[in-house]
Amino acid sequence: MIASAWRCSFLATLLVGITGCAAQQTETASGGPLARQIAQSSHCGLTAPGRVVLADRGEVDRLEALPARNLSLAPLRAVDFNREKVVLVAMGQKSTGGYSVTLAGSRIVDQQLVLSVASRAPDPGTMVTQALTTPCTAIAVTASGWSELRIVEAENNR
């Protein structure tokens, strides 16, 4: 009876340990960052919130056609697409200035690349420009080691 209870306790502890400790990676095999912010703009031209993954220079070139875009494409074109991809994280269209989104961190957990982003909105009563904006950030991410992408809000938005 005691052996049986011990065995159940041991198996429960083992199961919790296996499920609670996911493999996590915070840098590339060569010691580089998994992700790095390469550009940011309050006028990206992406009117819907979300993300866009760019896997080659041809996809970067298609951004030229976005209306009201002032995001510089030079840093995106400089990416070595054999080693990295570009992820655009967009807040969507906003009715004023004062909004931004930045990379706060990155990690790979069980084949999932998790990008933590910090978004900023103007405080109530703050003077801001009265113009439509489309804030976004461009992030170069490692092309290997992950098969799924997830964007999360940074803890405490920092």
Protein backbone atom coordinates (compact mmCIF):
# COMPACT_ATOMS: atom_id res chain seq x y z
CA MET A 1 0.00 0.00 0.00
CA ILE A 2 2.80 2.44 0.92
CA ALA A 3 4.77 1.44 -2.19
CA SER A 4 1.70 2.00 -4.33
CA ALA A 5 1.09 5.47 -2.83
CA TRP A 6 4.77 6.38 -3.30
CA ARG A 7 4.63 5.21 -6.94
CA CYS A 8 1.53 7.37 -7.61
CA SER A 9 3.17 10.37 -5.95
CA PHE A 10 6.38 9.85 -7.93
CA LEU A 11 4.49 9.54 -11.24
CA ALA A 12 2.44 12.67 -10.48
CA THR A 13 5.62 14.63 -9.67
CA LEU A 14 7.30 13.35 -12.82
CA LEU A 15 4.31 14.28 -14.96
CA VAL A 16 4.15 17.81 -13.50
CA GLY A 17 7.89 18.18 -14.08
CA ILE A 18 7.61 17.11 -17.71
CA THR A 19 4.64 19.32 -18.55
CA GLY A 20 5.75 22.31 -16.48
CA CYS A 21 9.29 22.60 -17.83
CA ALA A 22 9.07 23.32 -21.53
CA ALA A 23 12.33 23.61 -23.45
CA GLN A 24 13.13 27.30 -23.82
CA GLN A 25 15.74 28.95 -26.04
CA THR A 26 16.73 32.62 -25.76
CA GLU A 27 19.49 32.91 -28.38
CA THR A 28 20.57 31.34 -31.65
CA ALA A 29 23.02 28.42 -31.79
CA SER A 30 25.81 30.91 -32.57
CA GLY A 31 24.90 33.03 -29.51
CA GLY A 32 23.10 35.81 -31.40
CA PRO A 33 19.69 37.24 -30.59
CA LEU A 34 16.58 35.41 -31.75
CA ALA A 35 15.03 38.74 -32.70
CA ARG A 36 16.12 42.35 -33.13
CA GLN A 37 14.13 45.46 -33.88
CA ILE A 38 15.32 46.95 -37.17
CA ALA A 39 12.79 49.72 -37.86
CA GLN A 40 9.79 51.47 -36.36
CA SER A 41 7.31 54.00 -37.68
CA SER A 42 4.05 55.69 -36.76
CA HIS A 43 3.04 55.56 -40.45
CA CYS A 44 3.58 52.01 -41.71
CA GLY A 45 0.50 51.94 -43.89
CA LEU A 46 -0.86 48.73 -42.31
CA THR A 47 -4.41 49.73 -41.33
CA ALA A 48 -5.35 46.49 -39.54
CA PRO A 49 -3.73 45.30 -36.31
CA GLY A 50 -1.72 42.10 -36.53
CA ARG A 51 1.48 40.74 -37.97
CA VAL A 52 3.01 40.16 -41.38
CA VAL A 53 5.91 37.72 -41.88
CA LEU A 54 8.21 38.55 -44.80
CA ALA A 55 10.37 35.66 -45.98
CA ASP A 56 12.21 37.30 -48.91
CA ARG A 57 13.11 40.64 -50.54
CA GLY A 58 10.23 40.32 -53.01
CA GLU A 59 7.76 40.48 -50.14
CA VAL A 60 9.57 43.55 -48.77
CA ASP A 61 9.32 45.22 -52.21
CA ARG A 62 5.52 44.79 -52.17
CA LEU A 63 5.38 47.12 -49.15
CA GLU A 64 6.24 50.00 -51.50
CA ALA A 65 2.57 50.10 -52.54
CA LEU A 66 1.18 50.69 -49.04
CA PRO A 67 -0.61 54.05 -48.88
CA ALA A 68 0.71 56.61 -46.38
CA ARG A 69 3.78 54.47 -45.62
CA ASN A 70 6.88 56.25 -44.35
CA LEU A 71 8.54 53.16 -42.87
CA SER A 72 12.04 52.98 -44.34
CA LEU A 73 12.41 49.74 -46.26
CA ALA A 74 16.24 49.94 -46.38
CA PRO A 75 16.75 48.10 -43.05
CA LEU A 76 14.30 45.40 -44.18
CA ARG A 77 16.09 44.96 -47.51
CA ALA A 78 19.44 44.66 -45.69
CA VAL A 79 18.31 41.47 -43.91
CA ASP A 80 20.01 38.23 -45.01
CA PHE A 81 16.87 36.23 -45.78
CA ASN A 82 18.87 32.98 -45.75
CA ARG A 83 19.35 33.47 -41.99
CA GLU A 84 16.45 35.69 -40.90
CA LYS A 85 12.87 36.65 -41.68
CA VAL A 86 11.18 39.98 -41.02
CA VAL A 87 8.07 40.28 -38.87
CA LEU A 88 6.00 43.47 -38.99
CA VAL A 89 3.89 43.95 -35.87
CA ALA A 90 1.18 46.53 -36.52
CA MET A 91 -1.21 48.27 -34.12
CA GLY A 92 -3.64 49.13 -36.91
CA GLN A 93 -5.03 52.55 -37.75
CA LYS A 94 -5.20 55.03 -34.87
CA SER A 95 -6.99 58.40 -34.90
CA THR A 96 -4.09 60.35 -33.32
CA GLY A 97 -0.35 60.28 -32.81
CA GLY A 98 1.29 59.04 -29.63
CA TYR A 99 1.03 55.31 -30.32
CA SER A 100 3.98 52.95 -30.73
CA VAL A 101 4.98 49.31 -30.52
CA THR A 102 8.49 47.99 -29.75
CA LEU A 103 10.20 44.64 -29.27
CA ALA A 104 10.64 43.79 -25.58
CA GLY A 105 11.99 40.24 -25.80
CA SER A 106 12.02 36.92 -27.61
CA ARG A 107 12.28 33.22 -26.86
CA ILE A 108 11.59 29.88 -28.48
CA VAL A 109 9.43 27.50 -26.47
CA ASP A 110 8.66 24.06 -27.94
CA GLN A 111 9.18 25.15 -31.57
CA GLN A 112 7.17 28.35 -31.04
CA LEU A 113 8.90 31.73 -31.46
CA VAL A 114 7.38 34.07 -28.89
CA LEU A 115 7.91 37.79 -29.46
CA SER A 116 7.07 40.04 -26.51
CA VAL A 117 6.10 43.54 -27.60
CA ALA A 118 5.41 46.66 -25.58
CA SER A 119 2.71 48.92 -26.97
CA ARG A 120 2.25 52.51 -25.96
CA ALA A 121 -0.82 54.73 -26.18
CA PRO A 122 -1.04 58.40 -25.26
CA ASP A 123 -2.17 59.16 -21.73
CA PRO A 124 -5.65 60.69 -21.45
CA GLY A 125 -5.49 64.46 -21.87
CA THR A 126 -2.07 64.38 -23.54
CA MET A 127 -1.59 66.71 -26.51
CA VAL A 128 -1.07 64.61 -29.63
CA THR A 129 -1.16 65.16 -33.37
CA GLN A 130 -4.62 64.94 -34.88
CA ALA A 131 -3.81 62.67 -37.78
CA LEU A 132 -4.47 59.09 -38.75
CA THR A 133 -1.46 56.92 -37.88
CA THR A 134 -0.58 53.27 -38.49
CA PRO A 135 2.17 52.43 -35.96
CA CYS A 136 4.28 49.31 -36.38
CA THR A 137 7.69 47.84 -35.74
CA ALA A 138 9.87 45.70 -38.01
CA ILE A 139 11.67 42.83 -36.30
CA ALA A 140 14.33 40.58 -37.86
CA VAL A 141 13.93 37.06 -36.44
CA THR A 142 16.01 33.93 -36.80
CA ALA A 143 14.73 31.76 -39.64
CA SER A 144 15.42 28.45 -37.90
CA GLY A 145 14.49 26.67 -34.69
CA TRP A 146 10.78 27.46 -34.78
CA SER A 147 7.70 26.50 -36.77
CA GLU A 148 5.05 28.74 -35.19
CA LEU A 149 5.01 32.44 -34.26
CA ARG A 150 3.20 34.03 -31.32
CA ILE A 151 3.09 37.73 -30.40
CA VAL A 152 2.38 38.56 -26.74
CA GLU A 153 2.11 41.81 -24.82
CA ALA A 154 5.17 42.31 -22.63
CA GLU A 155 4.58 41.76 -18.94
CA ASN A 156 3.67 45.10 -17.33
CA ASN A 157 4.04 46.44 -20.88
CA ARG A 158 7.83 46.75 -20.40
